[in-house]
Structure formats: structure tokens, C-alpha cells
Amino acid sequence: MPVSHFTDSLSADSYVGKQILTAAETARCLGFSSVNALLRSRKRGLLPIEMFKIPGRRGWFAATRAVMGWVEASTKRHLNFQPPETEEDSAMKT
């Protein structure tokens, strides 16, 4: 069973059953300080996920699966980080 890495204020349970997230929800999930910061990054092409418009609705949206997938992959990458071994460390093992 996957481990959830969300804080109390941001729970994956909040988004269960939702196919898409608003820009505000996406900003919160990706750790942006505001929706404007998220949208500036989107405009510059710096977001790790794709955002899209929906006809008849205002604003930008993201697929919940894409956002949660990126959060999970990013978290795993940082939790499994191993600093490179130094020569001193190698010498101590032998």
C-alpha cells in the first residue's frame, strides 16, 4: 500500500473521486505560494504537469492523476536520495 506524504492541511482524500483540479488546488498540491505563482510558472513552461482550459469554465485545470503522480514521484526521489560516497567513506568500508 503506498504511503501518503501529504500534510494534514492537504490530504489526498480531499481529491479522491475528482478527475480534475482547479488552479488553486493544483497550486496547493505542488507547493506554490499562490495561484499567480503557479500561473506564472505555467506561462514560462516550468510546470512539471500539463494544465488545460475547459470550454465554458474560467481558469486553468490539471488532471488529478498527473498532479498526484508528480507529487508521489518527487517525494520518492527525495526520500531515496543517497549522497555520493567520498573516498574516505570507501576506505572505511574496506
N, C-alpha and C. Protein backbone atom coordinates (compact mmCIF):
# COMPACT_ATOMS: atom_id res chain seq x y z
N MET A 1 0.84 -1.19 0.00
CA MET A 1 0.00 0.00 0.00
C MET A 1 0.88 1.24 0.00
N PRO A 2 0.66 2.21 -0.93
CA PRO A 2 1.50 3.40 -0.98
C PRO A 2 1.33 4.27 0.26
N VAL A 3 2.42 4.89 0.64
CA VAL A 3 2.39 5.78 1.79
C VAL A 3 2.01 7.16 1.32
N SER A 4 1.11 7.82 2.03
CA SER A 4 0.71 9.18 1.69
C SER A 4 1.67 10.16 2.33
N HIS A 5 2.17 11.11 1.55
CA HIS A 5 3.14 12.09 2.04
C HIS A 5 2.52 13.47 2.16
N PHE A 6 1.21 13.55 2.36
CA PHE A 6 0.53 14.82 2.44
C PHE A 6 0.40 15.26 3.88
N THR A 7 0.40 16.57 4.09
CA THR A 7 0.23 17.12 5.43
C THR A 7 -1.24 17.12 5.79
N ASP A 8 -1.56 17.42 7.05
CA ASP A 8 -2.95 17.44 7.49
C ASP A 8 -3.79 18.43 6.70
N SER A 9 -3.22 19.60 6.36
CA SER A 9 -3.99 20.62 5.65
C SER A 9 -4.23 20.23 4.19
N LEU A 10 -3.42 19.33 3.68
CA LEU A 10 -3.56 18.88 2.29
C LEU A 10 -3.61 17.37 2.30
N SER A 11 -4.76 16.82 2.16
CA SER A 11 -4.92 15.37 2.20
C SER A 11 -5.29 14.86 0.82
N ALA A 12 -4.70 13.75 0.44
CA ALA A 12 -5.05 13.14 -0.84
C ALA A 12 -6.53 12.77 -0.86
N ASP A 13 -7.09 12.49 0.33
CA ASP A 13 -8.51 12.14 0.42
C ASP A 13 -9.42 13.26 -0.08
N SER A 14 -8.95 14.50 -0.01
CA SER A 14 -9.75 15.64 -0.47
C SER A 14 -10.04 15.55 -1.96
N TYR A 15 -9.18 14.84 -2.68
CA TYR A 15 -9.27 14.83 -4.13
C TYR A 15 -9.71 13.48 -4.69
N VAL A 16 -10.01 12.52 -3.82
CA VAL A 16 -10.48 11.21 -4.29
C VAL A 16 -11.81 11.42 -5.02
N GLY A 17 -11.91 10.86 -6.19
CA GLY A 17 -13.13 10.98 -6.97
C GLY A 17 -13.16 12.19 -7.89
N LYS A 18 -12.23 13.11 -7.72
CA LYS A 18 -12.16 14.27 -8.61
C LYS A 18 -11.23 13.95 -9.77
N GLN A 19 -11.69 14.18 -10.97
CA GLN A 19 -10.88 13.93 -12.16
C GLN A 19 -9.95 15.10 -12.46
N ILE A 20 -10.42 16.31 -12.12
CA ILE A 20 -9.61 17.49 -12.41
C ILE A 20 -9.50 18.37 -11.17
N LEU A 21 -8.43 19.15 -11.13
CA LEU A 21 -8.19 20.10 -10.05
C LEU A 21 -8.21 21.51 -10.61
N THR A 22 -8.70 22.44 -9.82
CA THR A 22 -8.64 23.85 -10.21
C THR A 22 -7.20 24.33 -10.06
N ALA A 23 -6.94 25.54 -10.55
CA ALA A 23 -5.60 26.12 -10.40
C ALA A 23 -5.25 26.30 -8.93
N ALA A 24 -6.22 26.68 -8.11
CA ALA A 24 -5.96 26.86 -6.67
C ALA A 24 -5.58 25.53 -6.02
N GLU A 25 -6.30 24.47 -6.34
CA GLU A 25 -5.99 23.15 -5.78
C GLU A 25 -4.63 22.65 -6.27
N THR A 26 -4.36 22.89 -7.55
CA THR A 26 -3.07 22.48 -8.13
C THR A 26 -1.92 23.23 -7.47
N ALA A 27 -2.09 24.54 -7.28
CA ALA A 27 -1.05 25.34 -6.63
C ALA A 27 -0.76 24.80 -5.23
N ARG A 28 -1.79 24.47 -4.50
CA ARG A 28 -1.63 23.95 -3.14
C ARG A 28 -0.89 22.61 -3.17
N CYS A 29 -1.26 21.72 -4.08
CA CYS A 29 -0.63 20.40 -4.17
C CYS A 29 0.84 20.48 -4.57
N LEU A 30 1.16 21.39 -5.47
CA LEU A 30 2.53 21.50 -5.96
C LEU A 30 3.40 22.40 -5.09
N GLY A 31 2.81 23.01 -4.06
CA GLY A 31 3.59 23.81 -3.12
C GLY A 31 3.86 25.24 -3.54
N PHE A 32 3.05 25.76 -4.45
CA PHE A 32 3.21 27.17 -4.85
C PHE A 32 2.61 28.07 -3.78
N SER A 33 3.18 29.26 -3.65
CA SER A 33 2.70 30.20 -2.63
C SER A 33 1.36 30.82 -3.00
N SER A 34 1.02 30.82 -4.28
CA SER A 34 -0.24 31.41 -4.73
C SER A 34 -0.61 30.86 -6.10
N VAL A 35 -1.85 31.11 -6.49
CA VAL A 35 -2.30 30.73 -7.83
C VAL A 35 -1.52 31.53 -8.87
N ASN A 36 -1.25 32.80 -8.58
CA ASN A 36 -0.50 33.63 -9.53
C ASN A 36 0.90 33.07 -9.77
N ALA A 37 1.55 32.57 -8.73
CA ALA A 37 2.87 31.96 -8.90
C ALA A 37 2.79 30.73 -9.78
N LEU A 38 1.76 29.91 -9.58
CA LEU A 38 1.55 28.73 -10.42
C LEU A 38 1.35 29.15 -11.88
N LEU A 39 0.50 30.13 -12.11
CA LEU A 39 0.19 30.55 -13.48
C LEU A 39 1.38 31.20 -14.17
N ARG A 40 2.22 31.90 -13.41
CA ARG A 40 3.45 32.46 -14.00
C ARG A 40 4.37 31.32 -14.44
N SER A 41 4.49 30.29 -13.62
CA SER A 41 5.32 29.14 -13.99
C SER A 41 4.74 28.42 -15.20
N ARG A 42 3.42 28.30 -15.26
CA ARG A 42 2.78 27.67 -16.41
C ARG A 42 3.09 28.44 -17.68
N LYS A 43 2.98 29.75 -17.59
CA LYS A 43 3.22 30.60 -18.76
C LYS A 43 4.67 30.50 -19.24
N ARG A 44 5.59 30.32 -18.31
CA ARG A 44 7.02 30.19 -18.65
C ARG A 44 7.41 28.78 -19.06
N GLY A 45 6.45 27.85 -18.97
CA GLY A 45 6.73 26.47 -19.35
C GLY A 45 7.52 25.69 -18.31
N LEU A 46 7.40 26.07 -17.04
CA LEU A 46 8.20 25.46 -15.98
C LEU A 46 7.45 24.45 -15.11
N LEU A 47 6.18 24.20 -15.41
CA LEU A 47 5.41 23.27 -14.58
C LEU A 47 5.76 21.82 -14.93
N PRO A 48 5.76 20.95 -13.93
CA PRO A 48 6.06 19.54 -14.18
C PRO A 48 4.85 18.76 -14.72
N ILE A 49 3.71 19.42 -14.80
CA ILE A 49 2.49 18.78 -15.29
C ILE A 49 1.83 19.70 -16.32
N GLU A 50 0.92 19.12 -17.10
CA GLU A 50 0.20 19.90 -18.11
C GLU A 50 -1.07 20.49 -17.50
N MET A 51 -1.36 21.73 -17.85
CA MET A 51 -2.62 22.36 -17.44
C MET A 51 -3.41 22.68 -18.71
N PHE A 52 -4.72 22.78 -18.55
CA PHE A 52 -5.57 22.98 -19.72
C PHE A 52 -6.78 23.83 -19.36
N LYS A 53 -7.42 24.36 -20.40
CA LYS A 53 -8.66 25.13 -20.26
C LYS A 53 -9.83 24.19 -20.56
N ILE A 54 -10.98 24.51 -19.98
CA ILE A 54 -12.20 23.75 -20.24
C ILE A 54 -13.22 24.72 -20.81
N PRO A 55 -13.76 24.42 -21.99
CA PRO A 55 -14.75 25.32 -22.59
C PRO A 55 -15.92 25.57 -21.64
N GLY A 56 -16.29 26.83 -21.51
CA GLY A 56 -17.41 27.20 -20.65
C GLY A 56 -17.05 27.40 -19.19
N ARG A 57 -15.77 27.19 -18.85
CA ARG A 57 -15.34 27.40 -17.46
C ARG A 57 -14.15 28.34 -17.45
N ARG A 58 -14.04 29.10 -16.39
CA ARG A 58 -12.93 30.05 -16.26
C ARG A 58 -11.72 29.37 -15.64
N GLY A 59 -10.56 29.84 -16.03
CA GLY A 59 -9.33 29.40 -15.38
C GLY A 59 -8.69 28.18 -16.00
N TRP A 60 -7.63 27.74 -15.34
CA TRP A 60 -6.84 26.60 -15.77
C TRP A 60 -7.10 25.42 -14.86
N PHE A 61 -6.94 24.22 -15.42
CA PHE A 61 -7.19 22.99 -14.68
C PHE A 61 -6.06 22.00 -14.93
N ALA A 62 -5.97 21.01 -14.05
CA ALA A 62 -4.97 19.94 -14.21
C ALA A 62 -5.63 18.61 -13.87
N ALA A 63 -5.14 17.56 -14.47
CA ALA A 63 -5.64 16.22 -14.16
C ALA A 63 -5.13 15.81 -12.78
N THR A 64 -6.03 15.38 -11.94
CA THR A 64 -5.67 14.95 -10.58
C THR A 64 -4.60 13.87 -10.63
N ARG A 65 -4.76 12.92 -11.51
CA ARG A 65 -3.81 11.81 -11.62
C ARG A 65 -2.40 12.32 -11.94
N ALA A 66 -2.29 13.31 -12.83
CA ALA A 66 -0.98 13.85 -13.19
C ALA A 66 -0.33 14.57 -12.01
N VAL A 67 -1.12 15.36 -11.30
CA VAL A 67 -0.59 16.11 -10.15
C VAL A 67 -0.14 15.16 -9.05
N MET A 68 -1.00 14.22 -8.68
CA MET A 68 -0.66 13.29 -7.61
C MET A 68 0.49 12.37 -8.02
N GLY A 69 0.56 12.02 -9.30
CA GLY A 69 1.68 11.21 -9.79
C GLY A 69 2.99 11.94 -9.64
N TRP A 70 3.00 13.24 -9.99
CA TRP A 70 4.23 14.02 -9.86
C TRP A 70 4.62 14.17 -8.39
N VAL A 71 3.65 14.43 -7.53
CA VAL A 71 3.94 14.58 -6.09
C VAL A 71 4.55 13.29 -5.55
N GLU A 72 3.96 12.16 -5.88
CA GLU A 72 4.45 10.87 -5.40
C GLU A 72 5.86 10.59 -5.93
N ALA A 73 6.08 10.80 -7.22
CA ALA A 73 7.40 10.55 -7.81
C ALA A 73 8.45 11.48 -7.21
N SER A 74 8.10 12.73 -7.03
CA SER A 74 9.03 13.71 -6.47
C SER A 74 9.38 13.35 -5.03
N THR A 75 8.39 12.96 -4.27
CA THR A 75 8.61 12.58 -2.88
C THR A 75 9.51 11.36 -2.78
N LYS A 76 9.24 10.35 -3.59
CA LYS A 76 10.06 9.14 -3.58
C LYS A 76 11.50 9.46 -3.95
N ARG A 77 11.68 10.31 -4.96
CA ARG A 77 13.02 10.67 -5.42
C ARG A 77 13.81 11.32 -4.29
N HIS A 78 13.17 12.19 -3.51
CA HIS A 78 13.87 12.88 -2.44
C HIS A 78 14.05 12.00 -1.20
N LEU A 79 13.13 11.11 -0.95
CA LEU A 79 13.26 10.22 0.21
C LEU A 79 14.34 9.17 -0.02
N ASN A 80 14.59 8.80 -1.27
CA ASN A 80 15.59 7.78 -1.59
C ASN A 80 16.94 8.37 -1.93
N PHE A 81 17.12 9.66 -1.75
CA PHE A 81 18.38 10.32 -2.11
C PHE A 81 19.52 9.78 -1.25
N GLN A 82 20.59 9.41 -1.88
CA GLN A 82 21.80 8.97 -1.19
C GLN A 82 22.95 9.88 -1.63
N PRO A 83 23.60 10.58 -0.69
CA PRO A 83 24.72 11.43 -1.09
C PRO A 83 25.84 10.57 -1.67
N PRO A 84 26.60 11.12 -2.61
CA PRO A 84 27.69 10.34 -3.19
C PRO A 84 28.71 9.97 -2.12
N GLU A 85 29.29 8.79 -2.29
CA GLU A 85 30.30 8.32 -1.35
C GLU A 85 31.62 9.03 -1.57
N THR A 86 32.27 9.42 -0.50
CA THR A 86 33.59 10.06 -0.62
C THR A 86 34.66 8.97 -0.57
N GLU A 87 35.89 9.32 -0.94
CA GLU A 87 36.99 8.37 -0.87
C GLU A 87 37.19 7.88 0.56
N GLU A 88 37.02 8.79 1.51
CA GLU A 88 37.16 8.43 2.92
C GLU A 88 36.14 7.38 3.33
N ASP A 89 34.89 7.54 2.87
CA ASP A 89 33.85 6.55 3.16
C ASP A 89 34.20 5.19 2.57
N SER A 90 34.71 5.19 1.36
CA SER A 90 35.09 3.95 0.69
C SER A 90 36.22 3.26 1.44
N ALA A 91 37.20 4.03 1.91
CA ALA A 91 38.34 3.47 2.62
C ALA A 91 37.90 2.85 3.95
N MET A 92 36.91 3.43 4.59
CA MET A 92 36.43 2.92 5.88
C MET A 92 35.72 1.58 5.72
N LYS A 93 35.12 1.33 4.57
CA LYS A 93 34.38 0.08 4.34
C LYS A 93 35.33 -1.09 4.13
N THR A 94 36.53 -0.83 3.62
CA THR A 94 37.45 -1.94 3.33
C THR A 94 38.35 -2.26 4.47
